[in-house]
Amino acid sequence: MFPHPLQCRCLTVVAVVISCFLHQSLVAAPPEEFRYIDTHVHFHDRKDGDLDKVIEWMDQMKIDRVINHPLAQSRVKTDDERSAMLRNYAKAKGRIDRFCIIFPEEVQTVDEAVAILRKEKESGAIGFGEHYGVNLNFDDPSCMRLFEACEKVGMPVMFHMDRNKNLDEPGFPRLKRVLEAYPKLILIAHSDWWRQSQQGACGELLAKYPNLYADISCTVKRSAIGKDKEFARKFFTTHADKLLFGSDSGWWSFGKEPMPEFQFILDLDLPAEVLQKICGGNARKLFWEAQAPANETNNR
């Protein structure tokens, strides 16, 4: 005997309710006081008071800590600017950190790069980037000098990829060469690297190479991650230990509409443990707790 249509509808409703309950029990909502660590921002830091604007934005966006990546427009250019920059970071210690940058054409030897990076590290820099490699292959000799120097000094490298920066082929053979040549160098992928996420290359590399991480900024508008939430949820959960929250916010966007990554990561309904790793835990381990990236290596 077949059930009455009304009974079918009731059973369907009950099934949906049970399914939703199970989903809610497995996927924890972010804590009320949830806060981010944003590992990828850009701002000016050369004048007294520059970081006050950043902290105001951080408080507005519920960000505990940020890492600033200098660009050509925002690098210090004089000794006075450097002194002001260091004063700014000293006042913001524990909330704002910085990476440093050398352009490939600025040094001719590994030793020259090492000397610069040691000085930067002694004055508080915790990494190298955003590394662009304009009109260069990812494994160009001038870039390899910088990678080797960063490995020697113990500085993680955050790199950008697009149609004319840090060029590589499908499957990232040039990136693989660098990962294997410098196994103690932490590399953090960004930007168009994510375009190969749905083809499998990104996940394969994250799973295979312990020295590769990825910054999730630029995922929403440039890759399948932002177009397919189910794919994104699975990818973020599978690779939760290798992903870092980054918004790629900058002086051009402070006080305006936030970068989409802030809301996107919450909309994925990730398990609380995964959310906490990506939005803070991994960064703490990588930049402030782990010993390996902080110590110079003598293996080369």
Protein backbone atom coordinates (compact mmCIF):
# COMPACT_ATOMS: atom_id res chain seq x y z
CA MET A 1 0.00 0.00 0.00
CA PHE A 2 1.44 3.39 -1.05
CA PRO A 3 1.54 6.26 1.49
CA HIS A 4 -0.83 9.17 1.09
CA PRO A 5 0.72 12.22 -0.71
CA LEU A 6 0.30 14.27 2.48
CA GLN A 7 2.29 11.65 4.38
CA CYS A 8 5.06 11.87 1.77
CA ARG A 9 5.27 15.64 2.19
CA CYS A 10 5.43 15.28 5.98
CA LEU A 11 8.18 12.68 5.74
CA THR A 12 10.13 14.95 3.40
CA VAL A 13 9.89 17.87 5.82
CA VAL A 14 11.02 15.67 8.70
CA ALA A 15 13.98 14.42 6.65
CA VAL A 16 15.03 17.96 5.80
CA VAL A 17 14.78 19.04 9.44
CA ILE A 18 16.89 16.07 10.57
CA SER A 19 19.45 16.76 7.84
CA CYS A 20 19.74 20.40 8.85
CA PHE A 21 20.10 19.44 12.52
CA LEU A 22 22.91 17.00 11.72
CA HIS A 23 24.63 19.59 9.54
CA GLN A 24 24.44 22.22 12.28
CA SER A 25 25.82 19.76 14.85
CA LEU A 26 28.80 18.94 12.66
CA VAL A 27 29.54 22.49 11.44
CA ALA A 28 30.12 24.96 14.23
CA ALA A 29 29.32 28.61 13.65
CA PRO A 30 32.21 31.01 14.25
CA PRO A 31 32.49 32.16 17.86
CA GLU A 32 30.84 35.45 18.68
CA GLU A 33 34.24 37.03 19.33
CA PHE A 34 35.84 35.46 16.25
CA ARG A 35 38.84 37.44 15.00
CA TYR A 36 41.20 37.09 12.03
CA ILE A 37 44.92 37.09 11.48
CA ASP A 38 45.33 38.70 8.07
CA THR A 39 48.67 37.58 6.60
CA HIS A 40 48.49 39.72 3.48
CA VAL A 41 47.90 43.47 3.57
CA HIS A 42 49.61 46.51 2.04
CA PHE A 43 49.93 49.92 3.66
CA HIS A 44 52.31 52.82 4.09
CA ASP A 45 54.47 52.67 7.19
CA ARG A 46 57.12 55.34 6.61
CA LYS A 47 55.60 58.26 8.52
CA ASP A 48 54.83 58.69 12.19
CA GLY A 49 51.20 57.73 12.75
CA ASP A 50 50.83 55.61 9.58
CA LEU A 51 50.02 52.49 11.57
CA ASP A 52 47.34 54.24 13.65
CA LYS A 53 45.11 54.12 10.56
CA VAL A 54 45.83 50.42 10.15
CA ILE A 55 44.94 49.58 13.75
CA GLU A 56 41.69 51.52 13.40
CA TRP A 57 40.83 49.40 10.34
CA MET A 58 41.87 46.19 12.13
CA ASP A 59 39.56 46.91 15.04
CA GLN A 60 36.72 47.61 12.64
CA MET A 61 37.30 44.31 10.80
CA LYS A 62 37.89 42.17 13.93
CA ILE A 63 41.53 41.47 13.06
CA ASP A 64 43.97 40.55 15.82
CA ARG A 65 47.14 40.75 13.79
CA VAL A 66 48.30 41.63 10.25
CA ILE A 67 51.41 41.22 8.14
CA ASN A 68 52.33 44.09 5.83
CA HIS A 69 53.95 43.39 2.46
CA PRO A 70 55.85 46.35 1.00
CA LEU A 71 55.22 47.37 -2.60
CA ALA A 72 57.33 49.60 -4.83
CA GLN A 73 55.12 52.54 -3.84
CA SER A 74 55.40 51.90 -0.11
CA ARG A 75 59.02 50.86 0.43
CA VAL A 76 61.26 53.04 2.56
CA LYS A 77 63.59 55.18 0.48
CA THR A 78 65.72 57.07 3.02
CA ASP A 79 67.34 56.46 6.39
CA ASP A 80 64.87 58.85 8.01
CA GLU A 81 61.95 56.91 6.57
CA ARG A 82 63.45 53.66 7.81
CA SER A 83 63.84 55.06 11.31
CA ALA A 84 60.21 56.21 11.32
CA MET A 85 59.09 52.82 10.01
CA LEU A 86 60.91 50.94 12.77
CA ARG A 87 59.44 53.26 15.42
CA ASN A 88 55.97 52.57 14.05
CA TYR A 89 56.37 48.79 14.23
CA ALA A 90 57.87 48.96 17.71
CA LYS A 91 54.74 50.75 18.93
CA ALA A 92 52.48 48.18 17.22
CA LYS A 93 54.44 45.12 18.39
CA GLY A 94 52.18 42.08 18.71
CA ARG A 95 49.58 43.44 16.29
CA ILE A 96 51.41 44.47 13.13
CA ASP A 97 54.36 42.66 11.54
CA ARG A 98 56.14 43.15 8.26
CA PHE A 99 57.76 41.30 5.41
CA CYS A 100 60.62 42.83 3.42
CA ILE A 101 61.38 42.80 -0.29
CA ILE A 102 64.33 42.82 -2.68
CA PHE A 103 63.64 43.04 -6.39
CA PRO A 104 65.54 40.42 -8.46
CA GLU A 105 67.58 43.02 -10.33
CA GLU A 106 68.78 44.70 -7.13
CA VAL A 107 71.33 42.04 -6.14
CA GLN A 108 73.87 40.10 -8.16
CA THR A 109 74.89 37.41 -5.67
CA VAL A 110 73.34 35.26 -2.96
CA ASP A 111 75.73 36.70 -0.38
CA GLU A 112 74.63 40.23 -1.22
CA ALA A 113 71.00 39.25 -0.71
CA VAL A 114 71.78 37.41 2.52
CA ALA A 115 73.45 40.52 3.97
CA ILE A 116 70.37 42.63 3.25
CA LEU A 117 67.96 40.02 4.59
CA ARG A 118 69.94 39.53 7.80
CA LYS A 119 69.72 43.26 8.48
CA GLU A 120 65.99 43.21 7.79
CA LYS A 121 65.45 40.21 10.03
CA GLU A 122 67.43 41.77 12.88
CA SER A 123 65.15 44.82 12.65
CA GLY A 124 61.94 42.78 12.80
CA ALA A 125 61.04 41.48 9.32
CA ILE A 126 59.49 37.99 9.57
CA GLY A 127 59.35 37.08 5.87
CA PHE A 128 60.03 38.03 2.26
CA GLY A 129 57.43 39.33 -0.17
CA GLU A 130 55.29 40.04 -1.92
CA HIS A 131 57.71 38.59 -4.48
CA TYR A 132 56.68 39.52 -8.03
CA GLY A 133 59.36 38.40 -10.48
CA VAL A 134 58.08 40.72 -13.21
CA ASN A 135 58.52 39.24 -16.71
CA LEU A 136 60.57 36.38 -15.25
CA ASN A 137 60.09 32.64 -15.05
CA PHE A 138 59.53 31.45 -11.50
CA ASP A 139 62.89 29.67 -11.53
CA ASP A 140 64.83 32.43 -13.28
CA PRO A 141 68.42 32.58 -11.95
CA SER A 142 67.81 36.04 -10.48
CA CYS A 143 64.84 34.68 -8.53
CA MET A 144 66.73 31.56 -7.49
CA ARG A 145 69.35 33.80 -5.85
CA LEU A 146 66.64 35.33 -3.71
CA PHE A 147 65.11 31.95 -2.83
CA GLU A 148 68.48 30.59 -1.78
CA ALA A 149 69.18 33.68 0.33
CA CYS A 150 65.78 33.43 2.03
CA GLU A 151 66.38 29.78 2.85
CA LYS A 152 69.77 30.61 4.36
CA VAL A 153 68.33 33.39 6.51
CA GLY A 154 65.14 31.50 7.38
CA MET A 155 62.57 33.79 5.79
CA PRO A 156 59.29 32.46 4.34
CA VAL A 157 58.53 33.81 0.85
CA MET A 158 55.08 34.90 -0.29
CA PHE A 159 54.91 35.01 -4.10
CA HIS A 160 52.51 36.42 -6.68
CA MET A 161 51.74 34.74 -10.00
CA ASP A 162 49.92 36.13 -13.04
CA ARG A 163 50.32 36.54 -16.80
CA ASN A 164 53.60 38.47 -16.52
CA LYS A 165 54.90 37.68 -13.03
CA ASN A 166 56.66 34.52 -11.80
CA LEU A 167 55.73 32.66 -14.95
CA ASP A 168 55.11 28.92 -14.91
CA GLU A 169 53.39 26.23 -16.99
CA PRO A 170 50.37 24.04 -16.20
CA GLY A 171 51.21 21.76 -13.30
CA PHE A 172 53.78 24.28 -11.97
CA PRO A 173 57.01 22.51 -13.03
CA ARG A 174 59.09 25.60 -12.22
CA LEU A 175 57.56 25.97 -8.77
CA LYS A 176 58.24 22.27 -8.16
CA ARG A 177 61.88 22.81 -9.07
CA VAL A 178 62.19 25.57 -6.45
CA LEU A 179 60.36 23.55 -3.78
CA GLU A 180 62.75 20.65 -4.32
CA ALA A 181 65.88 22.77 -4.64
CA TYR A 182 65.22 24.57 -1.34
CA PRO A 183 63.33 22.11 0.91
CA LYS A 184 63.81 24.26 4.03
CA LEU A 185 62.37 27.35 2.35
CA ILE A 186 58.71 28.04 3.12
CA LEU A 187 56.88 29.24 0.00
CA ILE A 188 53.41 30.81 0.22
CA ALA A 189 51.40 30.80 -3.02
CA HIS A 190 49.05 33.61 -3.99
CA SER A 191 47.00 35.15 -6.81
CA ASP A 192 46.79 33.29 -10.15
CA TRP A 193 48.33 30.22 -8.56
CA TRP A 194 44.73 29.48 -7.56
CA ARG A 195 43.60 29.32 -11.20
CA GLN A 196 44.80 25.72 -11.34
CA SER A 197 42.92 24.68 -8.20
CA GLN A 198 40.11 22.85 -9.99
CA GLN A 199 42.56 21.06 -12.29
CA GLY A 200 44.11 19.47 -9.21
CA ALA A 201 47.60 20.96 -9.36
CA CYS A 202 47.21 23.19 -6.29
CA GLY A 203 45.96 20.40 -4.06
CA GLU A 204 48.57 17.97 -5.30
CA LEU A 205 51.42 20.35 -4.52
CA LEU A 206 50.06 21.29 -1.09
CA ALA A 207 49.77 17.60 -0.21
CA LYS A 208 53.20 16.63 -1.56
CA TYR A 209 55.46 19.47 -0.42
CA PRO A 210 55.65 20.28 3.30
CA ASN A 211 57.31 23.63 2.50
CA LEU A 212 54.38 24.92 0.39
CA TYR A 213 51.51 26.94 1.84
CA ALA A 214 48.87 29.13 0.19
CA ASP A 215 47.35 32.49 1.01
CA ILE A 216 43.60 32.52 0.25
CA SER A 217 43.43 36.13 -0.97
CA CYS A 218 42.42 36.52 -4.61
CA THR A 219 40.52 33.23 -4.53
CA VAL A 220 37.03 34.71 -4.74
CA LYS A 221 37.38 36.57 -8.02
CA ARG A 222 40.14 34.62 -9.77
CA SER A 223 39.45 30.93 -9.34
CA ALA A 224 36.97 28.12 -8.98
CA ILE A 225 37.26 28.55 -5.20
CA GLY A 226 35.04 31.62 -5.33
CA LYS A 227 32.61 30.18 -7.87
CA ASP A 228 31.92 26.79 -6.31
CA LYS A 229 31.37 26.80 -2.55
CA GLU A 230 31.16 23.01 -2.32
CA PHE A 231 34.52 22.69 -4.05
CA ALA A 232 35.96 25.44 -1.85
CA ARG A 233 34.62 23.83 1.34
CA LYS A 234 36.17 20.48 0.43
CA PHE A 235 39.48 22.05 -0.62
CA PHE A 236 39.77 24.19 2.51
CA THR A 237 38.91 21.25 4.76
CA THR A 238 41.34 18.86 3.03
CA HIS A 239 44.22 21.35 3.10
CA ALA A 240 43.32 23.14 6.34
CA ASP A 241 46.86 22.84 7.73
CA LYS A 242 48.43 24.56 4.71
CA LEU A 243 46.19 27.60 4.18
CA LEU A 244 46.55 31.15 5.52
CA PHE A 245 43.85 33.79 5.61
CA GLY A 246 44.81 36.87 3.61
CA SER A 247 42.64 39.65 2.25
CA ASP A 248 45.12 41.61 0.06
CA SER A 249 43.60 44.76 1.53
CA GLY A 250 45.57 47.98 1.19
CA TRP A 251 45.65 51.71 1.70
CA TRP A 252 43.36 51.94 -1.34
CA SER A 253 40.61 49.88 0.32
CA PHE A 254 40.75 50.79 4.04
CA GLY A 255 37.45 52.31 5.10
CA LYS A 256 35.69 51.11 1.96
CA GLU A 257 33.89 47.87 1.15
CA PRO A 258 35.91 45.01 2.70
CA MET A 259 37.65 42.49 0.48
CA PRO A 260 35.32 39.54 -0.21
CA GLU A 261 37.50 36.95 1.55
CA PHE A 262 36.34 38.20 4.97
CA GLN A 263 32.76 37.11 4.40
CA PHE A 264 33.53 34.26 2.02
CA ILE A 265 35.46 32.21 4.58
CA LEU A 266 32.53 32.46 7.01
CA ASP A 267 29.93 31.65 4.36
CA LEU A 268 31.59 28.27 3.72
CA ASP A 269 30.27 26.91 7.04
CA LEU A 270 33.60 25.24 7.77
CA PRO A 271 34.10 23.17 10.91
CA ALA A 272 35.29 25.39 13.75
CA GLU A 273 38.69 23.65 13.89
CA VAL A 274 39.29 24.27 10.17
CA LEU A 275 38.18 27.89 10.42
CA GLN A 276 40.49 28.56 13.35
CA LYS A 277 43.48 26.99 11.57
CA ILE A 278 43.05 28.98 8.37
CA CYS A 279 42.14 32.29 10.00
CA GLY A 280 44.81 32.29 12.68
CA GLY A 281 46.28 29.03 13.96
CA ASN A 282 48.46 28.26 10.95
CA ALA A 283 49.88 31.78 10.88
CA ARG A 284 50.76 31.63 14.57
CA LYS A 285 52.63 28.36 14.09
CA LEU A 286 54.38 29.44 10.91
CA PHE A 287 55.45 32.98 11.80
CA TRP A 288 55.56 33.26 15.58
CA GLU A 289 55.78 29.82 17.16
CA ALA A 290 57.76 27.58 14.80
CA GLN A 291 61.52 27.55 15.26
CA ALA A 292 62.61 26.44 11.78
CA PRO A 293 61.53 29.55 9.83
CA ALA A 294 63.07 31.77 12.50
CA ASN A 295 66.54 30.20 12.49
CA GLU A 296 69.11 30.57 9.77
CA THR A 297 69.93 27.37 7.95
CA ASN A 298 73.45 26.31 7.05
CA ASN A 299 72.63 23.48 4.72
CA ARG A 300 73.71 25.14 1.52
